[in-house]
PDB file of N, CA and C in Angstrom:
ATOM      1  N   MET A   1      30.326  -0.550  37.613  1.00  0.00           N
ATOM      2  CA  MET A   1      29.610  -0.210  36.238  1.00  0.00           C
ATOM      3  C   MET A   1      28.489  -1.122  35.807  1.00  0.00           C
ATOM      4  N   MET A   2      27.105  -0.394  35.604  1.00  0.00           N
ATOM      5  CA  MET A   2      26.053  -1.139  35.328  1.00  0.00           C
ATOM      6  C   MET A   2      26.011  -1.753  33.915  1.00  0.00           C
ATOM      7  N   SER A   3      25.594  -3.001  33.512  1.00  0.00           N
ATOM      8  CA  SER A   3      25.438  -3.408  32.263  1.00  0.00           C
ATOM      9  C   SER A   3      24.181  -3.041  31.730  1.00  0.00           C
ATOM     10  N   ASN A   4      24.239  -2.796  30.528  1.00  0.00           N
ATOM     11  CA  ASN A   4      22.585  -2.232  29.890  1.00  0.00           C
ATOM     12  C   ASN A   4      22.308  -3.645  29.134  1.00  0.00           C
ATOM     13  N   SER A   5      21.165  -4.215  29.911  1.00  0.00           N
ATOM     14  CA  SER A   5      20.672  -5.181  29.029  1.00  0.00           C
ATOM     15  C   SER A   5      19.666  -5.128  28.002  1.00  0.00           C
ATOM     16  N   HIS A   6      19.460  -3.895  27.775  1.00  0.00           N
ATOM     17  CA  HIS A   6      18.658  -3.365  26.740  1.00  0.00           C
ATOM     18  C   HIS A   6      19.362  -2.909  25.305  1.00  0.00           C
ATOM     19  N   ALA A   7      20.682  -3.151  25.505  1.00  0.00           N
ATOM     20  CA  ALA A   7      21.349  -2.762  24.312  1.00  0.00           C
ATOM     21  C   ALA A   7      21.345  -3.680  22.969  1.00  0.00           C
ATOM     22  N   GLY A   8      21.405  -3.499  21.845  1.00  0.00           N
ATOM     23  CA  GLY A   8      21.552  -4.339  20.938  1.00  0.00           C
ATOM     24  C   GLY A   8      19.947  -4.450  20.321  1.00  0.00           C
ATOM     25  N   ALA A   9      19.696  -5.662  19.665  1.00  0.00           N
ATOM     26  CA  ALA A   9      18.257  -5.929  19.234  1.00  0.00           C
ATOM     27  C   ALA A   9      17.067  -6.045  20.158  1.00  0.00           C
ATOM     28  N   PRO A  10      16.291  -5.401  19.832  1.00  0.00           N
ATOM     29  CA  PRO A  10      14.930  -5.486  20.746  1.00  0.00           C
ATOM     30  C   PRO A  10      14.712  -6.876  21.181  1.00  0.00           C
ATOM     31  N   SER A  11      14.325  -6.782  22.546  1.00  0.00           N
ATOM     32  CA  SER A  11      13.797  -8.332  22.906  1.00  0.00           C
ATOM     33  C   SER A  11      12.615  -8.667  22.505  1.00  0.00           C
ATOM     34  N   ALA A  12      12.527 -10.171  22.594  1.00  0.00           N
ATOM     35  CA  ALA A  12      11.101 -10.592  21.912  1.00  0.00           C
ATOM     36  C   ALA A  12      10.114 -10.107  22.712  1.00  0.00           C
ATOM     37  N   ASN A  13       9.874  -9.751  24.176  1.00  0.00           N
ATOM     38  CA  ASN A  13       8.929  -9.100  24.872  1.00  0.00           C
ATOM     39  C   ASN A  13       8.585  -7.763  24.356  1.00  0.00           C
ATOM     40  N   LEU A  14       9.370  -7.180  23.940  1.00  0.00           N
ATOM     41  CA  LEU A  14       9.075  -5.653  23.342  1.00  0.00           C
ATOM     42  C   LEU A  14       8.469  -5.840  22.013  1.00  0.00           C
ATOM     43  N   MET A  15       8.837  -6.758  21.282  1.00  0.00           N
ATOM     44  CA  MET A  15       7.956  -6.811  19.885  1.00  0.00           C
ATOM     45  C   MET A  15       6.760  -7.515  20.200  1.00  0.00           C
ATOM     46  N   ALA A  16       6.688  -8.264  21.164  1.00  0.00           N
ATOM     47  CA  ALA A  16       5.154  -8.908  21.508  1.00  0.00           C
ATOM     48  C   ALA A  16       4.300  -7.740  21.953  1.00  0.00           C
ATOM     49  N   GLU A  17       4.810  -7.040  22.878  1.00  0.00           N
ATOM     50  CA  GLU A  17       3.939  -5.746  23.596  1.00  0.00           C
ATOM     51  C   GLU A  17       3.616  -4.751  22.280  1.00  0.00           C
ATOM     52  N   VAL A  18       4.703  -4.501  21.412  1.00  0.00           N
ATOM     53  CA  VAL A  18       4.236  -3.511  20.293  1.00  0.00           C
ATOM     54  C   VAL A  18       3.136  -4.182  19.382  1.00  0.00           C
ATOM     55  N   LEU A  19       3.201  -5.608  19.089  1.00  0.00           N
ATOM     56  CA  LEU A  19       2.125  -6.318  18.324  1.00  0.00           C
ATOM     57  C   LEU A  19       0.950  -6.277  19.125  1.00  0.00           C
ATOM     58  N   ARG A  20       1.106  -6.523  20.329  1.00  0.00           N
ATOM     59  CA  ARG A  20      -0.429  -6.383  21.335  1.00  0.00           C
ATOM     60  C   ARG A  20      -0.617  -4.970  20.938  1.00  0.00           C
ATOM     61  N   LEU A  21      -0.244  -4.031  21.165  1.00  0.00           N
ATOM     62  CA  LEU A  21      -0.775  -2.691  21.171  1.00  0.00           C
ATOM     63  C   LEU A  21      -1.554  -2.082  19.835  1.00  0.00           C
ATOM     64  N   LEU A  22      -0.506  -2.919  18.631  1.00  0.00           N
ATOM     65  CA  LEU A  22      -1.031  -2.571  17.234  1.00  0.00           C
ATOM     66  C   LEU A  22      -2.195  -3.328  16.829  1.00  0.00           C
ATOM     67  N   LYS A  23      -2.512  -4.311  17.508  1.00  0.00           N
ATOM     68  CA  LYS A  23      -3.349  -5.417  16.951  1.00  0.00           C
ATOM     69  C   LYS A  23      -4.829  -5.035  16.837  1.00  0.00           C
ATOM     70  N   PRO A  24      -5.360  -3.642  17.354  1.00  0.00           N
ATOM     71  CA  PRO A  24      -6.733  -3.337  17.014  1.00  0.00           C
ATOM     72  C   PRO A  24      -6.615  -2.649  15.813  1.00  0.00           C
ATOM     73  N   PHE A  25      -5.416  -2.202  15.305  1.00  0.00           N
ATOM     74  CA  PHE A  25      -5.338  -1.189  13.993  1.00  0.00           C
ATOM     75  C   PHE A  25      -5.233  -2.214  12.792  1.00  0.00           C
ATOM     76  N   TRP A  26      -4.978  -3.583  13.079  1.00  0.00           N
ATOM     77  CA  TRP A  26      -4.595  -4.577  11.780  1.00  0.00           C
ATOM     78  C   TRP A  26      -5.686  -4.405  10.835  1.00  0.00           C
ATOM     79  N   PRO A  27      -7.107  -4.511  11.147  1.00  0.00           N
ATOM     80  CA  PRO A  27      -8.047  -4.561  10.022  1.00  0.00           C
ATOM     81  C   PRO A  27      -8.053  -3.209   9.158  1.00  0.00           C
ATOM     82  N   VAL A  28      -7.982  -2.232  10.052  1.00  0.00           N
ATOM     83  CA  VAL A  28      -7.475  -0.919   9.157  1.00  0.00           C
ATOM     84  C   VAL A  28      -6.400  -0.749   8.219  1.00  0.00           C
ATOM     85  N   VAL A  29      -5.265  -1.449   8.739  1.00  0.00           N
ATOM     86  CA  VAL A  29      -4.108  -1.408   7.899  1.00  0.00           C
ATOM     87  C   VAL A  29      -4.394  -2.453   6.619  1.00  0.00           C
ATOM     88  N   PHE A  30      -5.070  -3.546   6.943  1.00  0.00           N
ATOM     89  CA  PHE A  30      -5.252  -4.500   5.870  1.00  0.00           C
ATOM     90  C   PHE A  30      -6.191  -4.051   4.587  1.00  0.00           C
ATOM     91  N   THR A  31      -7.228  -3.274   5.351  1.00  0.00           N
ATOM     92  CA  THR A  31      -8.117  -2.602   4.333  1.00  0.00           C
ATOM     93  C   THR A  31      -7.514  -1.402   3.460  1.00  0.00           C
ATOM     94  N   ALA A  32      -6.622  -0.636   4.385  1.00  0.00           N
ATOM     95  CA  ALA A  32      -5.959   0.410   3.358  1.00  0.00           C
ATOM     96  C   ALA A  32      -5.084  -0.303   2.454  1.00  0.00           C
ATOM     97  N   THR A  33      -4.559  -1.282   2.775  1.00  0.00           N
ATOM     98  CA  THR A  33      -3.529  -1.886   1.844  1.00  0.00           C
ATOM     99  C   THR A  33      -4.162  -2.372   0.651  1.00  0.00           C
ATOM    100  N   LEU A  34      -5.353  -3.041   1.060  1.00  0.00           N
ATOM    101  CA  LEU A  34      -6.030  -3.635  -0.059  1.00  0.00           C
ATOM    102  C   LEU A  34      -6.709  -2.590  -1.127  1.00  0.00           C
ATOM    103  N   LEU A  35      -7.086  -1.503  -0.500  1.00  0.00           N
ATOM    104  CA  LEU A  35      -7.625  -0.324  -1.351  1.00  0.00           C
ATOM    105  C   LEU A  35      -6.660   0.269  -2.147  1.00  0.00           C
ATOM    106  N   GLY A  36      -5.429   0.220  -1.750  1.00  0.00           N
ATOM    107  CA  GLY A  36      -4.232   0.953  -2.312  1.00  0.00           C
ATOM    108  C   GLY A  36      -3.956  -0.067  -3.586  1.00  0.00           C
ATOM    109  N   ILE A  37      -3.945  -1.290  -3.234  1.00  0.00           N
ATOM    110  CA  ILE A  37      -3.581  -2.121  -4.411  1.00  0.00           C
ATOM    111  C   ILE A  37      -4.562  -1.983  -5.512  1.00  0.00           C
ATOM    112  N   VAL A  38      -5.967  -2.283  -5.144  1.00  0.00           N
ATOM    113  CA  VAL A  38      -6.964  -1.831  -5.963  1.00  0.00           C
ATOM    114  C   VAL A  38      -6.858  -0.584  -6.963  1.00  0.00           C
ATOM    115  N   GLY A  39      -6.640   0.428  -6.183  1.00  0.00           N
ATOM    116  CA  GLY A  39      -6.548   1.904  -6.807  1.00  0.00           C
ATOM    117  C   GLY A  39      -5.368   1.805  -7.688  1.00  0.00           C
ATOM    118  N   GLY A  40      -4.183   1.247  -7.180  1.00  0.00           N
ATOM    119  CA  GLY A  40      -3.153   1.352  -8.184  1.00  0.00           C
ATOM    120  C   GLY A  40      -3.444   0.602  -9.504  1.00  0.00           C
ATOM    121  N   LEU A  41      -3.915  -0.710  -9.405  1.00  0.00           N
ATOM    122  CA  LEU A  41      -4.096  -1.543 -10.412  1.00  0.00           C
ATOM    123  C   LEU A  41      -5.355  -0.728 -11.414  1.00  0.00           C
ATOM    124  N   THR A  42      -6.102  -0.079 -10.785  1.00  0.00           N
ATOM    125  CA  THR A  42      -7.289   0.643 -11.648  1.00  0.00           C
ATOM    126  C   THR A  42      -6.572   1.655 -12.413  1.00  0.00           C
ATOM    127  N   THR A  43      -5.862   2.465 -11.557  1.00  0.00           N
ATOM    128  CA  THR A  43      -4.987   3.567 -12.258  1.00  0.00           C
ATOM    129  C   THR A  43      -4.046   3.190 -13.407  1.00  0.00           C
ATOM    130  N   THR A  44      -3.434   1.996 -13.310  1.00  0.00           N
ATOM    131  CA  THR A  44      -2.507   1.556 -14.469  1.00  0.00           C
ATOM    132  C   THR A  44      -3.389   1.041 -15.438  1.00  0.00           C
ATOM    133  N   GLY A  45      -4.570   0.421 -15.305  1.00  0.00           N
ATOM    134  CA  GLY A  45      -5.499   0.069 -16.464  1.00  0.00           C
ATOM    135  C   GLY A  45      -5.852   1.376 -17.103  1.00  0.00           C
ATOM    136  N   LEU A  46      -6.313   2.433 -16.580  1.00  0.00           N
ATOM    137  CA  LEU A  46      -6.883   3.340 -17.034  1.00  0.00           C
ATOM    138  C   LEU A  46      -5.785   4.226 -17.768  1.00  0.00           C
ATOM    139  N   LEU A  47      -4.421   4.274 -17.403  1.00  0.00           N
ATOM    140  CA  LEU A  47      -3.431   4.768 -18.267  1.00  0.00           C
ATOM    141  C   LEU A  47      -3.180   4.208 -19.143  1.00  0.00           C
ATOM    142  N   GLY A  48      -3.061   2.785 -19.280  1.00  0.00           N
ATOM    143  CA  GLY A  48      -2.830   2.120 -20.447  1.00  0.00           C
ATOM    144  C   GLY A  48      -3.829   2.057 -21.582  1.00  0.00           C
ATOM    145  N   ARG A  49      -5.222   2.358 -21.070  1.00  0.00           N
ATOM    146  CA  ARG A  49      -6.320   2.571 -22.216  1.00  0.00           C
ATOM    147  C   ARG A  49      -5.941   3.947 -22.716  1.00  0.00           C
ATOM    148  N   ILE A  50      -5.750   4.957 -22.086  1.00  0.00           N
ATOM    149  CA  ILE A  50      -5.490   6.188 -22.496  1.00  0.00           C
ATOM    150  C   ILE A  50      -4.294   6.353 -23.603  1.00  0.00           C
ATOM    151  N   ASN A  51      -3.192   5.649 -23.014  1.00  0.00           N
ATOM    152  CA  ASN A  51      -2.071   5.297 -23.959  1.00  0.00           C
ATOM    153  C   ASN A  51      -2.413   4.732 -25.324  1.00  0.00           C
ATOM    154  N   GLN A  52      -3.026   3.788 -25.360  1.00  0.00           N
ATOM    155  CA  GLN A  52      -3.586   3.081 -26.465  1.00  0.00           C
ATOM    156  C   GLN A  52      -4.448   3.992 -27.259  1.00  0.00           C
ATOM    157  N   ALA A  53      -5.307   4.895 -26.771  1.00  0.00           N
ATOM    158  CA  ALA A  53      -6.051   5.619 -27.566  1.00  0.00           C
ATOM    159  C   ALA A  53      -5.281   6.812 -28.196  1.00  0.00           C
ATOM    160  N   LEU A  54      -4.188   7.297 -27.318  1.00  0.00           N
ATOM    161  CA  LEU A  54      -3.329   8.410 -27.953  1.00  0.00           C
ATOM    162  C   LEU A  54      -2.378   7.742 -29.108  1.00  0.00           C
ATOM    163  N   GLN A  55      -2.103   6.387 -28.877  1.00  0.00           N
ATOM    164  CA  GLN A  55      -0.886   5.854 -29.799  1.00  0.00           C
ATOM    165  C   GLN A  55      -1.753   5.398 -31.232  1.00  0.00           C
ATOM    166  N   ARG A  56      -3.183   5.152 -31.094  1.00  0.00           N
ATOM    167  CA  ARG A  56      -3.927   4.693 -32.188  1.00  0.00           C
ATOM    168  C   ARG A  56      -4.090   5.878 -32.995  1.00  0.00           C
ATOM    169  N   GLY A  57      -4.304   7.388 -32.317  1.00  0.00           N
ATOM    170  CA  GLY A  57      -4.424   8.335 -33.345  1.00  0.00           C
ATOM    171  C   GLY A  57      -5.803   8.327 -34.031  1.00  0.00           C
ATOM    172  N   GLY A  58      -6.163   9.129 -34.815  1.00  0.00           N
ATOM    173  CA  GLY A  58      -7.434   9.276 -35.648  1.00  0.00           C
ATOM    174  C   GLY A  58      -8.390  10.087 -34.664  1.00  0.00           C
ATOM    175  N   ASN A  59      -9.591   9.631 -34.961  1.00  0.00           N
ATOM    176  CA  ASN A  59     -10.674  10.161 -34.376  1.00  0.00           C
ATOM    177  C   ASN A  59     -10.946   9.616 -33.206  1.00  0.00           C
ATOM    178  N   CYS A  60     -11.420  10.411 -32.126  1.00  0.00           N
ATOM    179  CA  CYS A  60     -11.698  10.014 -30.749  1.00  0.00           C
ATOM    180  C   CYS A  60     -12.962   9.273 -30.786  1.00  0.00           C
ATOM    181  N   PRO A  61     -12.909   8.097 -30.134  1.00  0.00           N
ATOM    182  CA  PRO A  61     -14.253   7.701 -29.633  1.00  0.00           C
ATOM    183  C   PRO A  61     -15.380   8.590 -29.333  1.00  0.00           C
ATOM    184  N   ALA A  62     -16.580   8.288 -29.401  1.00  0.00           N
ATOM    185  CA  ALA A  62     -17.678   9.179 -28.870  1.00  0.00           C
ATOM    186  C   ALA A  62     -17.711   9.624 -27.313  1.00  0.00           C
ATOM    187  N   ALA A  63     -17.205   8.481 -26.680  1.00  0.00           N
ATOM    188  CA  ALA A  63     -17.078   8.527 -25.213  1.00  0.00           C
ATOM    189  C   ALA A  63     -16.127   9.819 -24.985  1.00  0.00           C
ATOM    190  N   PHE A  64     -15.224   9.903 -25.787  1.00  0.00           N
ATOM    191  CA  PHE A  64     -14.308  11.092 -25.249  1.00  0.00           C
ATOM    192  C   PHE A  64     -14.650  12.365 -25.865  1.00  0.00           C
ATOM    193  N   GLY A  65     -15.503  12.661 -26.858  1.00  0.00           N
ATOM    194  CA  GLY A  65     -15.819  13.839 -27.507  1.00  0.00           C
ATOM    195  C   GLY A  65     -17.284  14.113 -27.630  1.00  0.00           C
TER     196      GLY A  65
END
């Protein structure tokens, strides 16, 4: 009976090889992550302003009308 040396957790060599293959894409992943964070924060700020305007009631500012 042959034993399977690849059973269980991946070896360190496999992980190193995967990281080596993905290395050219790290700048793209990093940039996309930063843009996603900035976009999320911007959307949150915009929704907060809209909520404040709706809760305040009364006349809309000139920028909205």
